[in-house]
């Protein structure tokens, strides 16, 4: 098993500009993207204000790297707020 920890950069600035509702929307979109990129046996959780954890179950090094890249690409896409 591997554990992937993800933190969002500049989350505090996002909160200052869009407030709690805007941040909730952004977190929801990003969380959905991470979950959609995960396999059915993986465990996904939000562990902090702007932090997520993804436990990758039963993956070899190649599959694990592919999974990490997929999750990273989903996190980098812009979110729509408002």
PDB file of N, CA and C in Angstrom:
ATOM      1  N   UNK A   1       0.843  -1.175   0.000  1.00  0.00           N
ATOM      2  CA  UNK A   1       0.000   0.000   0.000  1.00  0.00           C
ATOM      3  C   UNK A   1       0.889   1.239   0.000  1.00  0.00           C
ATOM      4  N   UNK A   2       0.453   2.229  -0.725  1.00  0.00           N
ATOM      5  CA  UNK A   2       1.139   3.521  -0.750  1.00  0.00           C
ATOM      6  C   UNK A   2       0.151   4.597  -0.325  1.00  0.00           C
ATOM      7  N   UNK A   3       0.664   5.642   0.309  1.00  0.00           N
ATOM      8  CA  UNK A   3      -0.181   6.763   0.729  1.00  0.00           C
ATOM      9  C   UNK A   3       0.301   8.013   0.012  1.00  0.00           C
ATOM     10  N   UNK A   4      -0.616   8.652  -0.676  1.00  0.00           N
ATOM     11  CA  UNK A   4      -0.331   9.884  -1.404  1.00  0.00           C
ATOM     12  C   UNK A   4      -0.961  11.034  -0.629  1.00  0.00           C
ATOM     13  N   UNK A   5      -0.153  12.006  -0.213  1.00  0.00           N
ATOM     14  CA  UNK A   5      -0.636  13.179   0.508  1.00  0.00           C
ATOM     15  C   UNK A   5      -0.637  14.370  -0.432  1.00  0.00           C
ATOM     16  N   UNK A   6      -1.761  15.078  -0.475  1.00  0.00           N
ATOM     17  CA  UNK A   6      -1.917  16.208  -1.384  1.00  0.00           C
ATOM     18  C   UNK A   6      -2.303  17.453  -0.602  1.00  0.00           C
ATOM     19  N   UNK A   7      -1.580  18.525  -0.828  1.00  0.00           N
ATOM     20  CA  UNK A   7      -1.911  19.810  -0.232  1.00  0.00           C
ATOM     21  C   UNK A   7      -2.138  20.821  -1.328  1.00  0.00           C
ATOM     22  N   UNK A   8      -3.052  21.752  -1.120  1.00  0.00           N
ATOM     23  CA  UNK A   8      -3.359  22.769  -2.121  1.00  0.00           C
ATOM     24  C   UNK A   8      -2.568  24.034  -1.832  1.00  0.00           C
ATOM     25  N   UNK A   9      -1.914  24.549  -2.841  1.00  0.00           N
ATOM     26  CA  UNK A   9      -1.149  25.779  -2.699  1.00  0.00           C
ATOM     27  C   UNK A   9      -2.076  26.997  -2.731  1.00  0.00           C
ATOM     28  N   UNK A  10      -1.740  28.004  -1.982  1.00  0.00           N
ATOM     29  CA  UNK A  10      -2.431  29.295  -1.998  1.00  0.00           C
ATOM     30  C   UNK A  10      -3.895  29.206  -1.572  1.00  0.00           C
ATOM     31  N   UNK A  11      -4.232  28.219  -0.760  1.00  0.00           N
ATOM     32  CA  UNK A  11      -5.613  28.052  -0.317  1.00  0.00           C
ATOM     33  C   UNK A  11      -6.079  29.243   0.519  1.00  0.00           C
ATOM     34  N   UNK A  12      -5.210  29.790   1.323  1.00  0.00           N
ATOM     35  CA  UNK A  12      -5.578  30.932   2.174  1.00  0.00           C
ATOM     36  C   UNK A  12      -5.973  32.145   1.323  1.00  0.00           C
ATOM     37  N   UNK A  13      -5.244  32.381   0.227  1.00  0.00           N
ATOM     38  CA  UNK A  13      -5.584  33.491  -0.668  1.00  0.00           C
ATOM     39  C   UNK A  13      -6.955  33.264  -1.302  1.00  0.00           C
ATOM     40  N   UNK A  14      -7.232  32.037  -1.676  1.00  0.00           N
ATOM     41  CA  UNK A  14      -8.532  31.695  -2.249  1.00  0.00           C
ATOM     42  C   UNK A  14      -9.635  32.001  -1.243  1.00  0.00           C
ATOM     43  N   UNK A  15      -9.410  31.684   0.004  1.00  0.00           N
ATOM     44  CA  UNK A  15     -10.383  31.943   1.059  1.00  0.00           C
ATOM     45  C   UNK A  15     -10.610  33.440   1.247  1.00  0.00           C
ATOM     46  N   UNK A  16      -9.550  34.213   1.161  1.00  0.00           N
ATOM     47  CA  UNK A  16      -9.670  35.667   1.320  1.00  0.00           C
ATOM     48  C   UNK A  16     -10.493  36.287   0.199  1.00  0.00           C
ATOM     49  N   UNK A  17     -10.354  35.781  -1.001  1.00  0.00           N
ATOM     50  CA  UNK A  17     -11.046  36.347  -2.159  1.00  0.00           C
ATOM     51  C   UNK A  17     -12.484  35.836  -2.265  1.00  0.00           C
ATOM     52  N   UNK A  18     -12.695  34.523  -2.115  1.00  0.00           N
ATOM     53  CA  UNK A  18     -14.000  33.922  -2.382  1.00  0.00           C
ATOM     54  C   UNK A  18     -14.774  33.508  -1.131  1.00  0.00           C
ATOM     55  N   UNK A  19     -14.156  33.579   0.020  1.00  0.00           N
ATOM     56  CA  UNK A  19     -14.839  33.214   1.263  1.00  0.00           C
ATOM     57  C   UNK A  19     -15.033  31.714   1.402  1.00  0.00           C
ATOM     58  N   UNK A  20     -15.743  31.339   2.459  1.00  0.00           N
ATOM     59  CA  UNK A  20     -15.918  29.922   2.775  1.00  0.00           C
ATOM     60  C   UNK A  20     -16.717  29.179   1.715  1.00  0.00           C
ATOM     61  N   UNK A  21     -17.755  29.805   1.187  1.00  0.00           N
ATOM     62  CA  UNK A  21     -18.573  29.123   0.181  1.00  0.00           C
ATOM     63  C   UNK A  21     -17.784  28.838  -1.093  1.00  0.00           C
ATOM     64  N   UNK A  22     -16.995  29.796  -1.519  1.00  0.00           N
ATOM     65  CA  UNK A  22     -16.162  29.589  -2.697  1.00  0.00           C
ATOM     66  C   UNK A  22     -15.128  28.503  -2.472  1.00  0.00           C
ATOM     67  N   UNK A  23     -14.531  28.495  -1.290  1.00  0.00           N
ATOM     68  CA  UNK A  23     -13.536  27.466  -0.965  1.00  0.00           C
ATOM     69  C   UNK A  23     -14.183  26.088  -0.871  1.00  0.00           C
ATOM     70  N   UNK A  24     -15.376  26.025  -0.314  1.00  0.00           N
ATOM     71  CA  UNK A  24     -16.084  24.741  -0.251  1.00  0.00           C
ATOM     72  C   UNK A  24     -16.333  24.198  -1.655  1.00  0.00           C
ATOM     73  N   UNK A  25     -16.711  25.072  -2.565  1.00  0.00           N
ATOM     74  CA  UNK A  25     -16.950  24.646  -3.950  1.00  0.00           C
ATOM     75  C   UNK A  25     -15.656  24.146  -4.597  1.00  0.00           C
ATOM     76  N   UNK A  26     -14.570  24.878  -4.379  1.00  0.00           N
ATOM     77  CA  UNK A  26     -13.273  24.467  -4.936  1.00  0.00           C
ATOM     78  C   UNK A  26     -12.842  23.119  -4.359  1.00  0.00           C
ATOM     79  N   UNK A  27     -12.978  22.945  -3.055  1.00  0.00           N
ATOM     80  CA  UNK A  27     -12.603  21.680  -2.420  1.00  0.00           C
ATOM     81  C   UNK A  27     -13.457  20.524  -2.928  1.00  0.00           C
ATOM     82  N   UNK A  28     -14.719  20.777  -3.140  1.00  0.00           N
ATOM     83  CA  UNK A  28     -15.612  19.746  -3.659  1.00  0.00           C
ATOM     84  C   UNK A  28     -15.185  19.303  -5.053  1.00  0.00           C
ATOM     85  N   UNK A  29     -14.875  20.266  -5.906  1.00  0.00           N
ATOM     86  CA  UNK A  29     -14.453  19.941  -7.276  1.00  0.00           C
ATOM     87  C   UNK A  29     -13.129  19.178  -7.283  1.00  0.00           C
ATOM     88  N   UNK A  30     -12.183  19.650  -6.501  1.00  0.00           N
ATOM     89  CA  UNK A  30     -10.870  18.991  -6.463  1.00  0.00           C
ATOM     90  C   UNK A  30     -10.989  17.598  -5.847  1.00  0.00           C
ATOM     91  N   UNK A  31     -11.764  17.485  -4.780  1.00  0.00           N
ATOM     92  CA  UNK A  31     -11.980  16.177  -4.162  1.00  0.00           C
ATOM     93  C   UNK A  31     -12.608  15.186  -5.130  1.00  0.00           C
ATOM     94  N   UNK A  32     -13.574  15.646  -5.908  1.00  0.00           N
ATOM     95  CA  UNK A  32     -14.209  14.775  -6.909  1.00  0.00           C
ATOM     96  C   UNK A  32     -13.209  14.313  -7.955  1.00  0.00           C
ATOM     97  N   UNK A  33     -12.348  15.196  -8.375  1.00  0.00           N
ATOM     98  CA  UNK A  33     -11.337  14.826  -9.381  1.00  0.00           C
ATOM     99  C   UNK A  33     -10.373  13.775  -8.841  1.00  0.00           C
ATOM    100  N   UNK A  34      -9.956  13.956  -7.599  1.00  0.00           N
ATOM    101  CA  UNK A  34      -9.036  12.984  -7.003  1.00  0.00           C
ATOM    102  C   UNK A  34      -9.739  11.639  -6.861  1.00  0.00           C
ATOM    103  N   UNK A  35     -10.952  11.655  -6.349  1.00  0.00           N
ATOM    104  CA  UNK A  35     -11.715  10.417  -6.166  1.00  0.00           C
ATOM    105  C   UNK A  35     -11.961   9.725  -7.506  1.00  0.00           C
ATOM    106  N   UNK A  36     -12.276  10.499  -8.541  1.00  0.00           N
ATOM    107  CA  UNK A  36     -12.523   9.926  -9.869  1.00  0.00           C
ATOM    108  C   UNK A  36     -11.262   9.295 -10.459  1.00  0.00           C
ATOM    109  N   UNK A  37     -10.099   9.800 -10.079  1.00  0.00           N
ATOM    110  CA  UNK A  37      -8.839   9.248 -10.573  1.00  0.00           C
ATOM    111  C   UNK A  37      -8.361   8.036  -9.792  1.00  0.00           C
ATOM    112  N   UNK A  38      -9.034   7.754  -8.687  1.00  0.00           N
ATOM    113  CA  UNK A  38      -8.640   6.628  -7.833  1.00  0.00           C
ATOM    114  C   UNK A  38      -9.297   5.337  -8.312  1.00  0.00           C
ATOM    115  N   UNK A  39      -8.734   4.229  -7.919  1.00  0.00           N
ATOM    116  CA  UNK A  39      -9.317   2.918  -8.202  1.00  0.00           C
ATOM    117  C   UNK A  39     -10.340   2.572  -7.131  1.00  0.00           C
ATOM    118  N   UNK A  40     -11.182   1.600  -7.401  1.00  0.00           N
ATOM    119  CA  UNK A  40     -12.259   1.252  -6.480  1.00  0.00           C
ATOM    120  C   UNK A  40     -11.740   0.751  -5.126  1.00  0.00           C
ATOM    121  N   UNK A  41     -10.550   0.141  -5.071  1.00  0.00           N
ATOM    122  CA  UNK A  41     -10.010  -0.363  -3.813  1.00  0.00           C
ATOM    123  C   UNK A  41      -9.228   0.662  -3.018  1.00  0.00           C
ATOM    124  N   UNK A  42      -9.047   1.858  -3.561  1.00  0.00           N
ATOM    125  CA  UNK A  42      -8.293   2.907  -2.878  1.00  0.00           C
ATOM    126  C   UNK A  42      -9.163   3.585  -1.823  1.00  0.00           C
ATOM    127  N   UNK A  43      -8.524   4.186  -0.843  1.00  0.00           N
ATOM    128  CA  UNK A  43      -9.229   4.919   0.207  1.00  0.00           C
ATOM    129  C   UNK A  43      -8.850   6.384   0.082  1.00  0.00           C
ATOM    130  N   UNK A  44      -9.854   7.245   0.034  1.00  0.00           N
ATOM    131  CA  UNK A  44      -9.648   8.675  -0.160  1.00  0.00           C
ATOM    132  C   UNK A  44     -10.283   9.438   0.990  1.00  0.00           C
ATOM    133  N   UNK A  45      -9.582  10.466   1.510  1.00  0.00           N
ATOM    134  CA  UNK A  45     -10.125  11.261   2.610  1.00  0.00           C
ATOM    135  C   UNK A  45      -9.562  12.675   2.584  1.00  0.00           C
ATOM    136  N   UNK A  46     -10.354  13.595   3.053  1.00  0.00           N
ATOM    137  CA  UNK A  46      -9.868  14.942   3.326  1.00  0.00           C
ATOM    138  C   UNK A  46      -9.372  14.913   4.758  1.00  0.00           C
ATOM    139  N   UNK A  47      -8.104  15.314   4.972  1.00  0.00           N
ATOM    140  CA  UNK A  47      -7.505  15.185   6.300  1.00  0.00           C
ATOM    141  C   UNK A  47      -7.202  16.524   6.961  1.00  0.00           C
ATOM    142  N   UNK A  48      -7.454  17.609   6.266  1.00  0.00           N
ATOM    143  CA  UNK A  48      -7.207  18.929   6.827  1.00  0.00           C
ATOM    144  C   UNK A  48      -7.924  19.972   6.000  1.00  0.00           C
ATOM    145  N   UNK A  49      -7.709  21.234   6.327  1.00  0.00           N
ATOM    146  CA  UNK A  49      -8.371  22.314   5.597  1.00  0.00           C
ATOM    147  C   UNK A  49      -8.163  22.202   4.097  1.00  0.00           C
ATOM    148  N   UNK A  50      -6.916  22.023   3.704  1.00  0.00           N
ATOM    149  CA  UNK A  50      -6.587  21.965   2.276  1.00  0.00           C
ATOM    150  C   UNK A  50      -5.717  20.752   1.968  1.00  0.00           C
ATOM    151  N   UNK A  51      -5.930  19.674   2.716  1.00  0.00           N
ATOM    152  CA  UNK A  51      -5.102  18.478   2.566  1.00  0.00           C
ATOM    153  C   UNK A  51      -5.974  17.240   2.365  1.00  0.00           C
ATOM    154  N   UNK A  52      -5.507  16.393   1.452  1.00  0.00           N
ATOM    155  CA  UNK A  52      -6.187  15.138   1.151  1.00  0.00           C
ATOM    156  C   UNK A  52      -5.180  13.998   1.251  1.00  0.00           C
ATOM    157  N   UNK A  53      -5.684  12.792   1.510  1.00  0.00           N
ATOM    158  CA  UNK A  53      -4.859  11.583   1.504  1.00  0.00           C
ATOM    159  C   UNK A  53      -5.539  10.551   0.618  1.00  0.00           C
ATOM    160  N   UNK A  54      -4.720   9.837  -0.137  1.00  0.00           N
ATOM    161  CA  UNK A  54      -5.215   8.763  -0.989  1.00  0.00           C
ATOM    162  C   UNK A  54      -4.342   7.544  -0.735  1.00  0.00           C
ATOM    163  N   UNK A  55      -4.948   6.476  -0.220  1.00  0.00           N
ATOM    164  CA  UNK A  55      -4.237   5.223   0.023  1.00  0.00           C
ATOM    165  C   UNK A  55      -4.410   4.344  -1.207  1.00  0.00           C
ATOM    166  N   UNK A  56      -3.304   4.080  -1.885  1.00  0.00           N
ATOM    167  CA  UNK A  56      -3.313   3.280  -3.105  1.00  0.00           C
ATOM    168  C   UNK A  56      -3.048   1.834  -2.732  1.00  0.00           C
ATOM    169  N   UNK A  57      -4.035   1.006  -2.903  1.00  0.00           N
ATOM    170  CA  UNK A  57      -3.951  -0.389  -2.467  1.00  0.00           C
ATOM    171  C   UNK A  57      -3.439  -1.286  -3.588  1.00  0.00           C
ATOM    172  N   UNK A  58      -2.482  -2.141  -3.254  1.00  0.00           N
ATOM    173  CA  UNK A  58      -2.041  -3.210  -4.135  1.00  0.00           C
ATOM    174  C   UNK A  58      -1.499  -2.796  -5.477  1.00  0.00           C
ATOM    175  N   UNK A  59      -0.774  -1.717  -5.552  1.00  0.00           N
ATOM    176  CA  UNK A  59      -0.225  -1.254  -6.824  1.00  0.00           C
ATOM    177  C   UNK A  59       1.278  -1.463  -6.855  1.00  0.00           C
ATOM    178  N   UNK A  60       1.760  -1.900  -8.009  1.00  0.00           N
ATOM    179  CA  UNK A  60       3.193  -1.962  -8.223  1.00  0.00           C
ATOM    180  C   UNK A  60       3.721  -0.576  -8.543  1.00  0.00           C
ATOM    181  N   UNK A  61       5.023  -0.430  -8.638  1.00  0.00           N
ATOM    182  CA  UNK A  61       5.619   0.892  -8.870  1.00  0.00           C
ATOM    183  C   UNK A  61       5.111   1.592 -10.134  1.00  0.00           C
ATOM    184  N   UNK A  62       4.959   0.872 -11.208  1.00  0.00           N
ATOM    185  CA  UNK A  62       4.510   1.499 -12.461  1.00  0.00           C
ATOM    186  C   UNK A  62       3.075   2.010 -12.334  1.00  0.00           C
ATOM    187  N   UNK A  63       2.176   1.177 -11.842  1.00  0.00           N
ATOM    188  CA  UNK A  63       0.778   1.580 -11.672  1.00  0.00           C
ATOM    189  C   UNK A  63       0.652   2.717 -10.667  1.00  0.00           C
ATOM    190  N   UNK A  64       1.458   2.675  -9.626  1.00  0.00           N
ATOM    191  CA  UNK A  64       1.433   3.718  -8.600  1.00  0.00           C
ATOM    192  C   UNK A  64       1.846   5.054  -9.219  1.00  0.00           C
ATOM    193  N   UNK A  65       2.887   5.054 -10.043  1.00  0.00           N
ATOM    194  CA  UNK A  65       3.332   6.290 -10.698  1.00  0.00           C
ATOM    195  C   UNK A  65       2.258   6.827 -11.634  1.00  0.00           C
ATOM    196  N   UNK A  66       1.614   5.942 -12.377  1.00  0.00           N
ATOM    197  CA  UNK A  66       0.539   6.366 -13.272  1.00  0.00           C
ATOM    198  C   UNK A  66      -0.611   6.980 -12.473  1.00  0.00           C
ATOM    199  N   UNK A  67      -0.966   6.352 -11.363  1.00  0.00           N
ATOM    200  CA  UNK A  67      -2.034   6.864 -10.517  1.00  0.00           C
ATOM    201  C   UNK A  67      -1.706   8.238  -9.948  1.00  0.00           C
ATOM    202  N   UNK A  68      -0.476   8.428  -9.533  1.00  0.00           N
ATOM    203  CA  UNK A  68      -0.049   9.724  -8.995  1.00  0.00           C
ATOM    204  C   UNK A  68      -0.118  10.808 -10.059  1.00  0.00           C
ATOM    205  N   UNK A  69       0.317  10.485 -11.264  1.00  0.00           N
ATOM    206  CA  UNK A  69       0.266  11.469 -12.353  1.00  0.00           C
ATOM    207  C   UNK A  69      -1.179  11.838 -12.695  1.00  0.00           C
ATOM    208  N   UNK A  70      -2.064  10.852 -12.702  1.00  0.00           N
ATOM    209  CA  UNK A  70      -3.471  11.096 -12.994  1.00  0.00           C
ATOM    210  C   UNK A  70      -4.087  12.030 -11.949  1.00  0.00           C
ATOM    211  N   UNK A  71      -3.811  11.774 -10.700  1.00  0.00           N
ATOM    212  CA  UNK A  71      -4.330  12.611  -9.617  1.00  0.00           C
ATOM    213  C   UNK A  71      -3.753  14.020  -9.716  1.00  0.00           C
ATOM    214  N   UNK A  72      -2.474  14.141  -9.995  1.00  0.00           N
ATOM    215  CA  UNK A  72      -1.837  15.458 -10.094  1.00  0.00           C
ATOM    216  C   UNK A  72      -2.431  16.266 -11.242  1.00  0.00           C
ATOM    217  N   UNK A  73      -2.695  15.630 -12.368  1.00  0.00           N
ATOM    218  CA  UNK A  73      -3.293  16.345 -13.504  1.00  0.00           C
ATOM    219  C   UNK A  73      -4.678  16.879 -13.137  1.00  0.00           C
ATOM    220  N   UNK A  74      -5.467  16.092 -12.442  1.00  0.00           N
ATOM    221  CA  UNK A  74      -6.798  16.531 -12.039  1.00  0.00           C
ATOM    222  C   UNK A  74      -6.759  17.688 -11.067  1.00  0.00           C
ATOM    223  N   UNK A  75      -5.768  17.717 -10.229  1.00  0.00           N
ATOM    224  CA  UNK A  75      -5.626  18.790  -9.249  1.00  0.00           C
ATOM    225  C   UNK A  75      -5.198  20.098  -9.895  1.00  0.00           C
ATOM    226  N   UNK A  76      -4.516  20.022 -11.036  1.00  0.00           N
ATOM    227  CA  UNK A  76      -3.984  21.218 -11.672  1.00  0.00           C
ATOM    228  C   UNK A  76      -4.996  21.954 -12.546  1.00  0.00           C
ATOM    229  N   UNK A  77      -6.099  21.315 -12.888  1.00  0.00           N
ATOM    230  CA  UNK A  77      -7.117  21.968 -13.713  1.00  0.00           C
ATOM    231  C   UNK A  77      -7.787  23.086 -12.921  1.00  0.00           C
ATOM    232  N   UNK A  78      -8.136  24.178 -13.602  1.00  0.00           N
ATOM    233  CA  UNK A  78      -8.824  25.278 -12.899  1.00  0.00           C
ATOM    234  C   UNK A  78     -10.186  24.837 -12.377  1.00  0.00           C
ATOM    235  N   UNK A  79     -10.622  25.448 -11.291  1.00  0.00           N
ATOM    236  CA  UNK A  79     -11.951  25.187 -10.747  1.00  0.00           C
ATOM    237  C   UNK A  79     -12.844  26.375 -11.086  1.00  0.00           C
ATOM    238  N   UNK A  80     -14.133  26.111 -11.157  1.00  0.00           N
ATOM    239  CA  UNK A  80     -15.126  27.159 -11.437  1.00  0.00           C
ATOM    240  C   UNK A  80     -15.842  27.503 -10.137  1.00  0.00           C
ATOM    241  N   UNK A  81     -15.726  28.743  -9.710  1.00  0.00           N
ATOM    242  CA  UNK A  81     -16.370  29.191  -8.476  1.00  0.00           C
ATOM    243  C   UNK A  81     -17.410  30.256  -8.834  1.00  0.00           C
ATOM    244  N   UNK A  82     -18.590  30.086  -8.272  1.00  0.00           N
ATOM    245  CA  UNK A  82     -19.610  31.114  -8.447  1.00  0.00           C
ATOM    246  C   UNK A  82     -20.606  30.725  -9.397  1.00  0.00           C
TER     247      UNK A  82
END
